[in-house]
Amino acid sequence: MTLQADLEAKIKSVMQPTEFIDPQYVATDHDIVEIVKQLGFAIPKSLIWFLKTFGAGGINGVDLFGTGVPEHKYVIVDETKELISENPDISSKHWVLLETSEMGWVFVMDVAGADVDLMDAPIVAYNIFTGKFEKAWNGFYGYLAERFGFAVLQSDDT
């Protein structure tokens, strides 16, 4: 089983219907094209998988940005742009806002640090009050596994 398939099975085994966006609003291929266009850069396949499989939401108090209802379809883009507009020192970075946390911390996907095949990218913890940032996870799957409360997943496959 691939890392992605293992994580998907774990999420589906514990998720409640209200924890993720209604399945009718998960991302389509057209939505991915629009998200990429609006961000201005490509996004890794790991994030595309999440957007197309779950759309947005989370478990264990973790709530990831993603797609939304038609009136607010590309929440992940809107929230990323808002983060950048409020923190101009990060405007040159290819970051995608995944989640806001406590004490001013947010978690972003560092697309500029993605692997050569654009399969996955590191996750950075950024503090909006201090401007401090550091790599927190090597990739999106590890981030999801830890934030959602699963044991760390190990695999050579992505």
N, C-alpha and C. Protein backbone atom coordinates (compact mmCIF):
# COMPACT_ATOMS: atom_id res chain seq x y z
N MET A 1 0.85 -1.18 0.00
CA MET A 1 0.00 0.00 0.00
C MET A 1 0.89 1.23 0.00
N THR A 2 0.56 2.20 -0.81
CA THR A 2 1.35 3.43 -0.85
C THR A 2 1.06 4.27 0.38
N LEU A 3 1.94 5.19 0.63
CA LEU A 3 1.76 6.12 1.74
C LEU A 3 0.44 6.87 1.60
N GLN A 4 0.16 7.33 0.40
CA GLN A 4 -1.08 8.06 0.13
C GLN A 4 -2.30 7.19 0.40
N ALA A 5 -2.29 5.96 -0.10
CA ALA A 5 -3.43 5.06 0.10
C ALA A 5 -3.61 4.71 1.57
N ASP A 6 -2.50 4.50 2.28
CA ASP A 6 -2.56 4.20 3.70
C ASP A 6 -3.19 5.37 4.46
N LEU A 7 -2.74 6.56 4.17
CA LEU A 7 -3.27 7.75 4.84
C LEU A 7 -4.75 7.95 4.52
N GLU A 8 -5.12 7.77 3.26
CA GLU A 8 -6.52 7.92 2.86
C GLU A 8 -7.40 6.93 3.62
N ALA A 9 -6.95 5.68 3.72
CA ALA A 9 -7.73 4.66 4.44
C ALA A 9 -7.87 5.03 5.91
N LYS A 10 -6.80 5.51 6.53
CA LYS A 10 -6.86 5.90 7.95
C LYS A 10 -7.82 7.06 8.16
N ILE A 11 -7.76 8.06 7.29
CA ILE A 11 -8.65 9.21 7.43
C ILE A 11 -10.11 8.76 7.28
N LYS A 12 -10.38 7.99 6.25
CA LYS A 12 -11.76 7.55 6.00
C LYS A 12 -12.29 6.65 7.12
N SER A 13 -11.40 5.95 7.81
CA SER A 13 -11.85 5.04 8.87
C SER A 13 -12.30 5.78 10.13
N VAL A 14 -11.86 7.02 10.30
CA VAL A 14 -12.21 7.76 11.52
C VAL A 14 -13.00 9.05 11.27
N MET A 15 -13.08 9.48 10.03
CA MET A 15 -13.71 10.77 9.77
C MET A 15 -15.22 10.72 9.96
N GLN A 16 -15.74 11.84 10.39
CA GLN A 16 -17.18 12.04 10.51
C GLN A 16 -17.62 12.91 9.32
N PRO A 17 -18.84 12.74 8.84
CA PRO A 17 -19.29 13.50 7.67
C PRO A 17 -19.17 15.01 7.82
N THR A 18 -19.29 15.52 9.02
CA THR A 18 -19.24 16.97 9.20
C THR A 18 -17.82 17.52 9.33
N GLU A 19 -16.81 16.65 9.34
CA GLU A 19 -15.44 17.11 9.51
C GLU A 19 -14.77 17.56 8.21
N PHE A 20 -15.31 17.14 7.10
CA PHE A 20 -14.78 17.53 5.80
C PHE A 20 -15.91 18.15 4.99
N ILE A 21 -15.54 18.90 3.98
CA ILE A 21 -16.54 19.54 3.15
C ILE A 21 -17.41 18.48 2.47
N ASP A 22 -18.63 18.84 2.17
CA ASP A 22 -19.55 17.94 1.48
C ASP A 22 -18.87 17.43 0.21
N PRO A 23 -18.95 16.13 -0.05
CA PRO A 23 -18.27 15.55 -1.22
C PRO A 23 -18.58 16.24 -2.55
N GLN A 24 -19.73 16.87 -2.66
CA GLN A 24 -20.03 17.55 -3.93
C GLN A 24 -19.14 18.77 -4.17
N TYR A 25 -18.41 19.21 -3.14
CA TYR A 25 -17.56 20.38 -3.29
C TYR A 25 -16.06 20.07 -3.33
N VAL A 26 -15.68 18.80 -3.37
CA VAL A 26 -14.26 18.50 -3.51
C VAL A 26 -13.78 19.00 -4.87
N ALA A 27 -12.49 19.19 -4.98
CA ALA A 27 -11.93 19.78 -6.20
C ALA A 27 -12.05 18.85 -7.40
N THR A 28 -12.33 19.44 -8.53
CA THR A 28 -12.33 18.76 -9.82
C THR A 28 -11.03 19.14 -10.54
N ASP A 29 -10.79 18.53 -11.68
CA ASP A 29 -9.62 18.92 -12.48
C ASP A 29 -9.69 20.40 -12.84
N HIS A 30 -10.89 20.88 -13.18
CA HIS A 30 -11.07 22.31 -13.50
C HIS A 30 -10.70 23.17 -12.29
N ASP A 31 -11.14 22.77 -11.11
CA ASP A 31 -10.81 23.53 -9.90
C ASP A 31 -9.31 23.60 -9.67
N ILE A 32 -8.61 22.49 -9.89
CA ILE A 32 -7.16 22.47 -9.71
C ILE A 32 -6.50 23.45 -10.67
N VAL A 33 -6.95 23.47 -11.91
CA VAL A 33 -6.42 24.42 -12.89
C VAL A 33 -6.64 25.86 -12.41
N GLU A 34 -7.82 26.15 -11.88
CA GLU A 34 -8.13 27.49 -11.39
C GLU A 34 -7.29 27.86 -10.16
N ILE A 35 -7.14 26.91 -9.25
CA ILE A 35 -6.33 27.16 -8.05
C ILE A 35 -4.90 27.48 -8.45
N VAL A 36 -4.33 26.68 -9.33
CA VAL A 36 -2.96 26.92 -9.81
C VAL A 36 -2.87 28.28 -10.50
N LYS A 37 -3.83 28.59 -11.33
CA LYS A 37 -3.85 29.87 -12.04
C LYS A 37 -3.90 31.03 -11.05
N GLN A 38 -4.77 30.93 -10.05
CA GLN A 38 -4.92 32.02 -9.10
C GLN A 38 -3.72 32.15 -8.16
N LEU A 39 -3.09 31.04 -7.82
CA LEU A 39 -1.89 31.11 -6.99
C LEU A 39 -0.70 31.63 -7.80
N GLY A 40 -0.65 31.28 -9.07
CA GLY A 40 0.45 31.71 -9.92
C GLY A 40 1.60 30.73 -9.99
N PHE A 41 1.41 29.53 -9.45
CA PHE A 41 2.43 28.49 -9.51
C PHE A 41 1.78 27.13 -9.32
N ALA A 42 2.46 26.09 -9.82
CA ALA A 42 1.95 24.72 -9.72
C ALA A 42 1.98 24.26 -8.27
N ILE A 43 1.11 23.30 -7.95
CA ILE A 43 1.09 22.73 -6.60
C ILE A 43 1.39 21.24 -6.69
N PRO A 44 1.98 20.69 -5.64
CA PRO A 44 2.36 19.28 -5.66
C PRO A 44 1.17 18.32 -5.74
N LYS A 45 1.45 17.16 -6.26
CA LYS A 45 0.43 16.12 -6.41
C LYS A 45 -0.16 15.70 -5.07
N SER A 46 0.62 15.77 -4.01
CA SER A 46 0.10 15.41 -2.68
C SER A 46 -1.05 16.33 -2.27
N LEU A 47 -0.91 17.62 -2.53
CA LEU A 47 -1.97 18.57 -2.20
C LEU A 47 -3.15 18.40 -3.15
N ILE A 48 -2.87 18.14 -4.41
CA ILE A 48 -3.96 17.89 -5.38
C ILE A 48 -4.77 16.69 -4.93
N TRP A 49 -4.09 15.62 -4.48
CA TRP A 49 -4.81 14.44 -3.98
C TRP A 49 -5.76 14.83 -2.85
N PHE A 50 -5.28 15.61 -1.88
CA PHE A 50 -6.13 16.00 -0.75
C PHE A 50 -7.33 16.81 -1.23
N LEU A 51 -7.10 17.78 -2.10
CA LEU A 51 -8.18 18.63 -2.58
C LEU A 51 -9.23 17.84 -3.37
N LYS A 52 -8.77 16.86 -4.16
CA LYS A 52 -9.70 16.06 -4.97
C LYS A 52 -10.38 14.95 -4.16
N THR A 53 -9.75 14.52 -3.07
CA THR A 53 -10.30 13.43 -2.27
C THR A 53 -11.17 13.94 -1.13
N PHE A 54 -10.70 14.98 -0.44
CA PHE A 54 -11.40 15.47 0.75
C PHE A 54 -11.89 16.91 0.62
N GLY A 55 -11.29 17.70 -0.24
CA GLY A 55 -11.71 19.09 -0.45
C GLY A 55 -11.16 20.04 0.58
N ALA A 56 -11.61 19.90 1.82
CA ALA A 56 -11.19 20.74 2.94
C ALA A 56 -11.69 20.09 4.22
N GLY A 57 -11.09 20.48 5.33
CA GLY A 57 -11.54 19.97 6.62
C GLY A 57 -10.46 19.21 7.33
N GLY A 58 -10.85 18.40 8.31
CA GLY A 58 -9.87 17.64 9.06
C GLY A 58 -10.48 16.94 10.24
N ILE A 59 -9.61 16.39 11.06
CA ILE A 59 -10.03 15.67 12.26
C ILE A 59 -9.15 16.07 13.43
N ASN A 60 -9.58 15.70 14.62
CA ASN A 60 -8.84 16.00 15.85
C ASN A 60 -8.57 17.49 16.04
N GLY A 61 -9.51 18.34 15.63
CA GLY A 61 -9.37 19.78 15.81
C GLY A 61 -8.50 20.47 14.78
N VAL A 62 -8.02 19.73 13.81
CA VAL A 62 -7.20 20.29 12.73
C VAL A 62 -8.12 20.53 11.54
N ASP A 63 -8.06 21.73 10.98
CA ASP A 63 -8.96 22.08 9.88
C ASP A 63 -8.15 22.69 8.75
N LEU A 64 -7.98 21.94 7.67
CA LEU A 64 -7.19 22.40 6.53
C LEU A 64 -8.04 23.18 5.55
N PHE A 65 -7.43 24.23 5.00
CA PHE A 65 -8.08 24.99 3.94
C PHE A 65 -8.08 24.17 2.66
N GLY A 66 -9.03 24.44 1.81
CA GLY A 66 -9.12 23.74 0.54
C GLY A 66 -10.17 24.38 -0.33
N THR A 67 -11.09 23.55 -0.80
CA THR A 67 -12.18 24.06 -1.63
C THR A 67 -13.38 24.34 -0.74
N GLY A 68 -14.31 25.13 -1.27
CA GLY A 68 -15.49 25.51 -0.50
C GLY A 68 -16.74 25.48 -1.34
N VAL A 69 -17.78 26.04 -0.78
CA VAL A 69 -19.06 26.12 -1.48
C VAL A 69 -18.92 27.09 -2.65
N PRO A 70 -19.84 27.05 -3.61
CA PRO A 70 -19.69 27.88 -4.81
C PRO A 70 -19.44 29.37 -4.55
N GLU A 71 -20.01 29.92 -3.50
CA GLU A 71 -19.82 31.34 -3.21
C GLU A 71 -18.41 31.65 -2.71
N HIS A 72 -17.72 30.66 -2.24
CA HIS A 72 -16.37 30.82 -1.69
C HIS A 72 -15.57 29.58 -2.07
N LYS A 73 -15.43 29.37 -3.38
CA LYS A 73 -14.95 28.11 -3.92
C LYS A 73 -13.50 27.78 -3.61
N TYR A 74 -12.61 28.75 -3.69
CA TYR A 74 -11.19 28.47 -3.56
C TYR A 74 -10.64 29.08 -2.27
N VAL A 75 -11.09 28.56 -1.16
CA VAL A 75 -10.70 29.05 0.16
C VAL A 75 -9.19 29.02 0.32
N ILE A 76 -8.56 27.98 -0.14
CA ILE A 76 -7.11 27.85 0.00
C ILE A 76 -6.38 29.00 -0.69
N VAL A 77 -6.89 29.46 -1.81
CA VAL A 77 -6.30 30.60 -2.52
C VAL A 77 -6.57 31.88 -1.75
N ASP A 78 -7.83 32.08 -1.35
CA ASP A 78 -8.19 33.31 -0.63
C ASP A 78 -7.39 33.46 0.65
N GLU A 79 -7.27 32.39 1.42
CA GLU A 79 -6.54 32.44 2.69
C GLU A 79 -5.04 32.65 2.46
N THR A 80 -4.49 32.03 1.42
CA THR A 80 -3.08 32.22 1.09
C THR A 80 -2.82 33.67 0.71
N LYS A 81 -3.67 34.22 -0.14
CA LYS A 81 -3.49 35.62 -0.56
C LYS A 81 -3.64 36.58 0.61
N GLU A 82 -4.55 36.28 1.52
CA GLU A 82 -4.72 37.13 2.69
C GLU A 82 -3.48 37.07 3.59
N LEU A 83 -2.94 35.87 3.79
CA LEU A 83 -1.71 35.72 4.58
C LEU A 83 -0.58 36.55 3.97
N ILE A 84 -0.43 36.48 2.67
CA ILE A 84 0.64 37.21 1.99
C ILE A 84 0.40 38.72 2.06
N SER A 85 -0.85 39.16 1.89
CA SER A 85 -1.12 40.61 1.94
C SER A 85 -0.87 41.18 3.33
N GLU A 86 -1.09 40.38 4.36
CA GLU A 86 -0.87 40.84 5.72
C GLU A 86 0.57 40.66 6.19
N ASN A 87 1.37 39.93 5.42
CA ASN A 87 2.77 39.64 5.76
C ASN A 87 3.63 39.81 4.51
N PRO A 88 3.86 41.04 4.08
CA PRO A 88 4.56 41.27 2.81
C PRO A 88 5.96 40.68 2.74
N ASP A 89 6.58 40.39 3.89
CA ASP A 89 7.92 39.81 3.88
C ASP A 89 7.94 38.41 3.28
N ILE A 90 6.78 37.78 3.12
CA ILE A 90 6.74 36.44 2.53
C ILE A 90 6.17 36.46 1.10
N SER A 91 5.97 37.63 0.54
CA SER A 91 5.32 37.73 -0.77
C SER A 91 6.09 37.05 -1.89
N SER A 92 7.40 36.91 -1.75
CA SER A 92 8.19 36.28 -2.81
C SER A 92 8.24 34.76 -2.68
N LYS A 93 7.70 34.22 -1.61
CA LYS A 93 7.75 32.78 -1.39
C LYS A 93 6.58 32.09 -2.09
N HIS A 94 6.80 30.89 -2.54
CA HIS A 94 5.73 30.09 -3.12
C HIS A 94 5.14 29.21 -2.03
N TRP A 95 4.40 29.85 -1.15
CA TRP A 95 3.77 29.17 -0.04
C TRP A 95 2.27 29.06 -0.27
N VAL A 96 1.71 27.95 0.19
CA VAL A 96 0.26 27.74 0.16
C VAL A 96 -0.18 27.52 1.59
N LEU A 97 -1.08 28.34 2.08
CA LEU A 97 -1.55 28.23 3.46
C LEU A 97 -2.45 27.02 3.61
N LEU A 98 -2.07 26.14 4.53
CA LEU A 98 -2.83 24.93 4.79
C LEU A 98 -3.72 25.07 6.02
N GLU A 99 -3.18 25.71 7.06
CA GLU A 99 -3.87 25.69 8.36
C GLU A 99 -3.35 26.82 9.23
N THR A 100 -4.25 27.41 10.01
CA THR A 100 -3.83 28.33 11.05
C THR A 100 -3.85 27.56 12.37
N SER A 101 -2.92 27.91 13.24
CA SER A 101 -2.81 27.20 14.50
C SER A 101 -2.83 28.22 15.64
N GLU A 102 -2.22 27.87 16.75
CA GLU A 102 -2.25 28.73 17.93
C GLU A 102 -1.05 29.67 17.98
N MET A 103 -1.20 30.72 18.75
CA MET A 103 -0.11 31.66 19.05
C MET A 103 0.51 32.27 17.79
N GLY A 104 -0.29 32.49 16.77
CA GLY A 104 0.20 33.13 15.56
C GLY A 104 0.88 32.21 14.57
N TRP A 105 0.90 30.92 14.84
CA TRP A 105 1.55 29.98 13.93
C TRP A 105 0.59 29.55 12.83
N VAL A 106 1.12 29.44 11.63
CA VAL A 106 0.40 28.87 10.49
C VAL A 106 1.29 27.82 9.86
N PHE A 107 0.66 26.89 9.18
CA PHE A 107 1.41 25.87 8.46
C PHE A 107 1.18 26.08 6.97
N VAL A 108 2.29 26.16 6.24
CA VAL A 108 2.24 26.42 4.80
C VAL A 108 3.03 25.34 4.06
N MET A 109 2.60 25.06 2.85
CA MET A 109 3.35 24.17 1.98
C MET A 109 4.34 25.03 1.20
N ASP A 110 5.61 24.68 1.28
CA ASP A 110 6.66 25.43 0.59
C ASP A 110 6.87 24.83 -0.80
N VAL A 111 6.11 25.30 -1.75
CA VAL A 111 6.15 24.73 -3.10
C VAL A 111 7.50 24.93 -3.76
N ALA A 112 8.19 26.00 -3.42
CA ALA A 112 9.53 26.22 -3.98
C ALA A 112 10.50 25.11 -3.56
N GLY A 113 10.21 24.46 -2.45
CA GLY A 113 11.06 23.37 -1.97
C GLY A 113 10.59 22.00 -2.40
N ALA A 114 9.65 21.95 -3.33
CA ALA A 114 9.09 20.67 -3.78
C ALA A 114 10.15 19.81 -4.46
N ASP A 115 9.91 18.50 -4.44
CA ASP A 115 10.81 17.60 -5.14
C ASP A 115 10.70 17.82 -6.64
N VAL A 116 11.64 17.28 -7.37
CA VAL A 116 11.76 17.56 -8.80
C VAL A 116 10.52 17.13 -9.60
N ASP A 117 9.83 16.10 -9.16
CA ASP A 117 8.63 15.63 -9.87
C ASP A 117 7.36 16.32 -9.41
N LEU A 118 7.50 17.27 -8.49
CA LEU A 118 6.36 17.98 -7.90
C LEU A 118 5.36 17.01 -7.28
N MET A 119 5.90 15.94 -6.67
CA MET A 119 5.05 14.97 -5.98
C MET A 119 4.67 15.48 -4.60
N ASP A 120 5.60 16.12 -3.91
CA ASP A 120 5.36 16.57 -2.55
C ASP A 120 6.27 17.75 -2.25
N ALA A 121 5.98 18.43 -1.16
CA ALA A 121 6.78 19.59 -0.76
C ALA A 121 6.82 19.68 0.76
N PRO A 122 7.87 20.31 1.29
CA PRO A 122 7.97 20.44 2.75
C PRO A 122 6.89 21.37 3.30
N ILE A 123 6.60 21.18 4.58
CA ILE A 123 5.65 22.02 5.28
C ILE A 123 6.43 22.88 6.26
N VAL A 124 6.15 24.17 6.23
CA VAL A 124 6.85 25.15 7.03
C VAL A 124 5.90 25.70 8.09
N ALA A 125 6.41 25.85 9.31
CA ALA A 125 5.70 26.55 10.37
C ALA A 125 6.16 28.00 10.32
N TYR A 126 5.21 28.92 10.23
CA TYR A 126 5.52 30.35 10.13
C TYR A 126 4.75 31.09 11.21
N ASN A 127 5.44 31.96 11.95
CA ASN A 127 4.78 32.74 12.98
C ASN A 127 4.50 34.14 12.44
N ILE A 128 3.23 34.50 12.34
CA ILE A 128 2.86 35.78 11.75
C ILE A 128 3.22 36.96 12.64
N PHE A 129 3.46 36.72 13.92
CA PHE A 129 3.83 37.81 14.82
C PHE A 129 5.32 38.11 14.79
N THR A 130 6.14 37.08 14.71
CA THR A 130 7.59 37.26 14.78
C THR A 130 8.28 37.18 13.41
N GLY A 131 7.61 36.60 12.42
CA GLY A 131 8.23 36.40 11.12
C GLY A 131 9.14 35.18 11.08
N LYS A 132 9.24 34.47 12.18
CA LYS A 132 10.09 33.29 12.25
C LYS A 132 9.44 32.15 11.46
N PHE A 133 10.26 31.40 10.73
CA PHE A 133 9.74 30.22 10.06
C PHE A 133 10.79 29.12 10.06
N GLU A 134 10.30 27.89 10.05
CA GLU A 134 11.19 26.73 10.03
C GLU A 134 10.47 25.56 9.39
N LYS A 135 11.27 24.72 8.75
CA LYS A 135 10.70 23.51 8.16
C LYS A 135 10.23 22.61 9.29
N ALA A 136 8.96 22.19 9.21
CA ALA A 136 8.38 21.38 10.28
C ALA A 136 8.19 19.92 9.86
N TRP A 137 7.90 19.69 8.58
CA TRP A 137 7.73 18.33 8.06
C TRP A 137 8.38 18.27 6.68
N ASN A 138 8.89 17.09 6.33
CA ASN A 138 9.51 16.92 5.02
C ASN A 138 8.49 16.91 3.90
N GLY A 139 7.25 16.55 4.20
CA GLY A 139 6.23 16.48 3.17
C GLY A 139 4.82 16.51 3.73
N PHE A 140 3.88 16.62 2.83
CA PHE A 140 2.47 16.79 3.18
C PHE A 140 1.89 15.56 3.86
N TYR A 141 2.26 14.37 3.42
CA TYR A 141 1.69 13.16 4.00
C TYR A 141 2.10 13.01 5.47
N GLY A 142 3.35 13.27 5.78
CA GLY A 142 3.81 13.22 7.16
C GLY A 142 3.12 14.26 8.02
N TYR A 143 2.95 15.44 7.44
CA TYR A 143 2.23 16.52 8.14
C TYR A 143 0.81 16.08 8.47
N LEU A 144 0.09 15.56 7.46
CA LEU A 144 -1.28 15.11 7.70
C LEU A 144 -1.34 14.01 8.75
N ALA A 145 -0.45 13.04 8.64
CA ALA A 145 -0.46 11.92 9.58
C ALA A 145 -0.27 12.42 11.00
N GLU A 146 0.70 13.28 11.22
CA GLU A 146 0.95 13.77 12.57
C GLU A 146 -0.15 14.69 13.06
N ARG A 147 -0.57 15.63 12.24
CA ARG A 147 -1.60 16.59 12.66
C ARG A 147 -2.94 15.91 12.90
N PHE A 148 -3.23 14.86 12.15
CA PHE A 148 -4.50 14.15 12.32
C PHE A 148 -4.42 13.09 13.41
N GLY A 149 -3.24 12.92 14.01
CA GLY A 149 -3.10 12.03 15.15
C GLY A 149 -2.83 10.58 14.82
N PHE A 150 -2.33 10.31 13.62
CA PHE A 150 -1.98 8.95 13.24
C PHE A 150 -0.52 8.70 13.55
N ALA A 151 -0.17 7.43 13.68
CA ALA A 151 1.24 7.08 13.83
C ALA A 151 1.98 7.56 12.58
N VAL A 152 3.24 7.87 12.74
CA VAL A 152 4.02 8.31 11.59
C VAL A 152 4.03 7.21 10.54
N LEU A 153 3.72 7.57 9.33
CA LEU A 153 3.65 6.62 8.24
C LEU A 153 5.01 6.49 7.57
N GLN A 154 5.39 5.29 7.24
CA GLN A 154 6.68 5.05 6.58
C GLN A 154 6.43 4.35 5.26
N SER A 155 7.02 4.84 4.20
CA SER A 155 6.92 4.18 2.91
C SER A 155 7.89 4.82 1.94
N ASP A 156 8.33 4.04 0.98
CA ASP A 156 9.16 4.58 -0.08
C ASP A 156 8.29 5.14 -1.21
N ASP A 157 7.03 4.74 -1.22
CA ASP A 157 6.09 5.18 -2.25
C ASP A 157 5.43 6.48 -1.82
N THR A 158 5.04 7.31 -2.80
CA THR A 158 4.31 8.52 -2.46
C THR A 158 2.98 8.56 -3.14
